[in-house]
Amino acid sequence: MLLNLLQAVFALAVTLGLIGGAAYALRRWGPTGLLQAGPKGERRLQVIESLTLDAQRRLVLVRLDREERLILLGDGRLLSLAAAPAPTVNP
């Protein structure tokens, strides 16, 4: 009886340890770190600004390479897309 109880407690401790180790590994390295194809240099895509218009629509300004795109999103789909060259910033 005591041996069965100790075996159950040990099995629970091992299971919780494995879950904790997996959670730590996911936080440490994460799915984005494991799935990244390229080097950790400068990214090509950046979200510059996002503006919520109402409950269903949102404007998002993104920069792709040297071009900015204004995207109107709504109801889980793309409603409109406009592109323009990105402004040059003088430091």
Protein backbone atom coordinates (compact mmCIF):
# COMPACT_ATOMS: atom_id res chain seq x y z
CA MET A 1 0.00 0.00 0.00
CA LEU A 2 2.74 2.46 0.96
CA LEU A 3 4.81 1.38 -2.05
CA ASN A 4 1.89 2.12 -4.41
CA LEU A 5 1.42 5.57 -2.87
CA LEU A 6 5.13 6.40 -3.22
CA GLN A 7 5.09 5.16 -6.83
CA ALA A 8 2.10 7.39 -7.63
CA VAL A 9 3.73 10.44 -6.00
CA PHE A 10 6.98 9.79 -7.90
CA ALA A 11 5.08 9.43 -11.21
CA LEU A 12 3.26 12.70 -10.53
CA ALA A 13 6.54 14.48 -9.74
CA VAL A 14 8.15 13.20 -12.95
CA THR A 15 5.11 14.26 -15.01
CA LEU A 16 5.03 17.75 -13.49
CA GLY A 17 8.79 18.04 -14.02
CA LEU A 18 8.43 17.19 -17.71
CA ILE A 19 5.61 19.71 -18.13
CA GLY A 20 7.64 22.38 -16.33
CA GLY A 21 10.72 21.63 -18.44
CA ALA A 22 8.69 21.89 -21.64
CA ALA A 23 7.17 25.20 -20.50
CA TYR A 24 10.62 26.57 -19.66
CA ALA A 25 12.01 25.48 -23.04
CA LEU A 26 9.08 27.04 -24.89
CA ARG A 27 9.51 30.32 -23.02
CA ARG A 28 13.27 30.29 -23.49
CA TRP A 29 13.48 29.43 -27.16
CA GLY A 30 9.85 29.71 -28.24
CA PRO A 31 8.22 28.66 -31.48
CA THR A 32 9.43 31.77 -33.34
CA GLY A 33 13.05 31.05 -32.44
CA LEU A 34 12.76 27.45 -33.57
CA LEU A 35 10.97 28.26 -36.84
CA GLN A 36 13.04 31.23 -38.02
CA ALA A 37 14.63 30.47 -41.37
CA GLY A 38 16.98 33.42 -41.73
CA PRO A 39 19.56 35.00 -39.47
CA LYS A 40 18.44 37.36 -36.72
CA GLY A 41 19.27 40.48 -38.72
CA GLU A 42 16.99 43.33 -39.63
CA ARG A 43 13.51 42.20 -40.54
CA ARG A 44 11.97 43.12 -43.88
CA LEU A 45 8.46 43.61 -42.54
CA GLN A 46 7.61 46.12 -39.81
CA VAL A 47 4.28 47.28 -38.43
CA ILE A 48 4.66 51.05 -38.25
CA GLU A 49 1.27 51.93 -36.80
CA SER A 50 -2.16 50.42 -36.22
CA LEU A 51 -5.41 52.32 -35.77
CA THR A 52 -8.74 50.78 -34.76
CA LEU A 53 -11.56 52.48 -36.63
CA ASP A 54 -14.49 50.61 -35.09
CA ALA A 55 -15.34 47.14 -33.80
CA GLN A 56 -14.90 45.52 -37.22
CA ARG A 57 -12.29 47.62 -39.06
CA ARG A 58 -8.64 48.46 -38.48
CA LEU A 59 -6.05 50.43 -40.45
CA VAL A 60 -2.50 49.05 -40.38
CA LEU A 61 0.53 50.82 -41.79
CA VAL A 62 3.32 48.36 -42.59
CA ARG A 63 6.74 48.79 -44.16
CA LEU A 64 8.05 46.13 -46.53
CA ASP A 65 11.65 46.77 -47.60
CA ARG A 66 11.51 50.40 -48.80
CA GLU A 67 7.77 50.57 -49.39
CA GLU A 68 4.95 51.42 -47.01
CA ARG A 69 1.54 49.81 -47.37
CA LEU A 70 -1.68 51.00 -45.78
CA ILE A 71 -3.98 48.03 -45.18
CA LEU A 72 -7.63 48.21 -44.21
CA LEU A 73 -8.66 45.03 -42.38
CA GLY A 74 -12.16 44.05 -41.39
CA ASP A 75 -14.20 40.95 -40.49
CA GLY A 76 -11.05 38.82 -40.66
CA ARG A 77 -10.28 39.72 -44.27
CA LEU A 78 -8.42 42.29 -46.36
CA LEU A 79 -10.69 45.16 -47.41
CA SER A 80 -8.22 47.50 -49.12
CA LEU A 81 -4.50 47.85 -49.87
CA ALA A 82 -2.56 50.97 -50.85
CA ALA A 83 1.20 51.18 -51.47
CA ALA A 84 3.64 54.09 -51.50
CA PRO A 85 7.42 54.48 -51.17
CA ALA A 86 8.58 54.85 -47.58
CA PRO A 87 9.63 58.35 -46.56
CA THR A 88 13.35 58.90 -46.09
CA VAL A 89 14.37 59.77 -42.55
CA ASN A 90 17.31 62.11 -42.07
CA PRO A 91 19.10 61.42 -38.77
